[in-house]
Amino acid sequence: AAMMPGITATRDQLKIFVGGLAQHTTKQTLDQYFSQFGYADSFVMQDKATGRSRGFGFVNFTDRMVMEAV
C-alpha cells in the first residue's frame, strides 16, 4: 500500500528519549506532563528483577509538530 504524502513517519520517528527520571516517575506522571503538548504515550524502563525504574524512558507522539515542539 502506498503511503499518503505527509504520513510517512514511522512510530520510531515520533519517539523521544527521556533520561534522568526520578525513581518515583511513572508512566502516568510522564504521560500527564507531556500531554500538555498534545497526545503522548510514554513508558518508563524498569529493571526486570526489581521492578524499579532504570531512570529513563521514551515518549511516543502521533504528531511530528508536537514532538518537535517538545
C-alpha atoms as a PDB file:
ATOM      1  CA  ALA A   1       0.000   0.000   0.000  1.00  0.00           C
ATOM      2  CA  ALA A   2       1.311   3.433  -0.889  1.00  0.00           C
ATOM      3  CA  MET A   3       1.860   5.958   1.862  1.00  0.00           C
ATOM      4  CA  MET A   4      -0.095   9.187   1.728  1.00  0.00           C
ATOM      5  CA  PRO A   5       2.032  12.322   1.375  1.00  0.00           C
ATOM      6  CA  GLY A   6       2.769  13.745   4.817  1.00  0.00           C
ATOM      7  CA  ILE A   7       2.005  10.455   6.568  1.00  0.00           C
ATOM      8  CA  THR A   8       5.399   8.840   6.124  1.00  0.00           C
ATOM      9  CA  ALA A   9       6.702   8.915   9.698  1.00  0.00           C
ATOM     10  CA  THR A  10       7.117   5.573  11.394  1.00  0.00           C
ATOM     11  CA  ARG A  11       6.440   5.100  15.078  1.00  0.00           C
ATOM     12  CA  ASP A  12      10.174   5.218  15.892  1.00  0.00           C
ATOM     13  CA  GLN A  13      10.498   8.590  14.168  1.00  0.00           C
ATOM     14  CA  LEU A  14       7.932  10.031  16.574  1.00  0.00           C
ATOM     15  CA  LYS A  15       9.691   8.741  19.712  1.00  0.00           C
ATOM     16  CA  ILE A  16      11.933  10.689  22.052  1.00  0.00           C
ATOM     17  CA  PHE A  17      14.288   9.507  24.782  1.00  0.00           C
ATOM     18  CA  VAL A  18      13.793  10.969  28.258  1.00  0.00           C
ATOM     19  CA  GLY A  19      16.658  10.463  30.716  1.00  0.00           C
ATOM     20  CA  GLY A  20      17.361  11.410  34.299  1.00  0.00           C
ATOM     21  CA  LEU A  21      13.944  10.370  35.575  1.00  0.00           C
ATOM     22  CA  ALA A  22      13.337  10.318  39.328  1.00  0.00           C
ATOM     23  CA  GLN A  23      12.661   6.911  40.876  1.00  0.00           C
ATOM     24  CA  HIS A  24       9.038   7.898  41.580  1.00  0.00           C
ATOM     25  CA  THR A  25       8.333   8.799  37.922  1.00  0.00           C
ATOM     26  CA  THR A  26       5.652   6.547  36.405  1.00  0.00           C
ATOM     27  CA  LYS A  27       4.012   6.145  33.014  1.00  0.00           C
ATOM     28  CA  GLN A  28       1.070   8.142  34.361  1.00  0.00           C
ATOM     29  CA  THR A  29       3.167  11.109  35.530  1.00  0.00           C
ATOM     30  CA  LEU A  30       5.199  11.119  32.302  1.00  0.00           C
ATOM     31  CA  ASP A  31       2.010  10.990  30.184  1.00  0.00           C
ATOM     32  CA  GLN A  32       0.493  13.770  32.287  1.00  0.00           C
ATOM     33  CA  TYR A  33       3.486  16.044  31.751  1.00  0.00           C
ATOM     34  CA  PHE A  34       3.892  15.501  28.003  1.00  0.00           C
ATOM     35  CA  SER A  35       0.140  15.597  27.274  1.00  0.00           C
ATOM     36  CA  GLN A  36       0.244  19.381  27.784  1.00  0.00           C
ATOM     37  CA  PHE A  37       1.854  19.499  24.325  1.00  0.00           C
ATOM     38  CA  GLY A  38      -0.505  17.010  22.635  1.00  0.00           C
ATOM     39  CA  TYR A  39      -1.163  13.279  22.644  1.00  0.00           C
ATOM     40  CA  ALA A  40       1.704  11.370  24.271  1.00  0.00           C
ATOM     41  CA  ASP A  41       2.111   7.698  25.161  1.00  0.00           C
ATOM     42  CA  SER A  42       5.119   7.064  27.370  1.00  0.00           C
ATOM     43  CA  PHE A  43       6.862   4.195  29.041  1.00  0.00           C
ATOM     44  CA  VAL A  44       9.427   4.088  31.812  1.00  0.00           C
ATOM     45  CA  MET A  45      12.099   1.411  31.503  1.00  0.00           C
ATOM     46  CA  GLN A  46      12.155  -0.858  34.549  1.00  0.00           C
ATOM     47  CA  ASP A  47      14.639  -3.330  35.945  1.00  0.00           C
ATOM     48  CA  LYS A  48      13.157  -6.781  35.306  1.00  0.00           C
ATOM     49  CA  ALA A  49      14.487  -8.221  38.571  1.00  0.00           C
ATOM     50  CA  THR A  50      13.393  -5.443  40.946  1.00  0.00           C
ATOM     51  CA  GLY A  51      10.624  -3.656  39.045  1.00  0.00           C
ATOM     52  CA  ARG A  52      12.275  -0.323  39.870  1.00  0.00           C
ATOM     53  CA  SER A  53      12.726   2.464  37.357  1.00  0.00           C
ATOM     54  CA  ARG A  54      16.004   2.427  35.447  1.00  0.00           C
ATOM     55  CA  GLY A  55      15.864   6.241  35.315  1.00  0.00           C
ATOM     56  CA  PHE A  56      14.922   6.635  31.669  1.00  0.00           C
ATOM     57  CA  GLY A  57      12.059   6.100  29.282  1.00  0.00           C
ATOM     58  CA  PHE A  58      10.559   7.019  25.946  1.00  0.00           C
ATOM     59  CA  VAL A  59       7.586   9.073  24.800  1.00  0.00           C
ATOM     60  CA  ASN A  60       5.699   8.292  21.589  1.00  0.00           C
ATOM     61  CA  PHE A  61       3.829  11.059  19.811  1.00  0.00           C
ATOM     62  CA  THR A  62       1.284  10.882  16.990  1.00  0.00           C
ATOM     63  CA  ASP A  63       2.091  14.339  15.595  1.00  0.00           C
ATOM     64  CA  ARG A  64       5.547  15.382  14.373  1.00  0.00           C
ATOM     65  CA  MET A  65       4.798  19.057  15.146  1.00  0.00           C
ATOM     66  CA  VAL A  66       4.110  18.186  18.787  1.00  0.00           C
ATOM     67  CA  MET A  67       7.273  16.094  19.046  1.00  0.00           C
ATOM     68  CA  GLU A  68       9.425  18.841  17.527  1.00  0.00           C
ATOM     69  CA  ALA A  69       7.872  21.448  19.863  1.00  0.00           C
ATOM     70  CA  VAL A  70       8.961  19.398  22.860  1.00  0.00           C
END
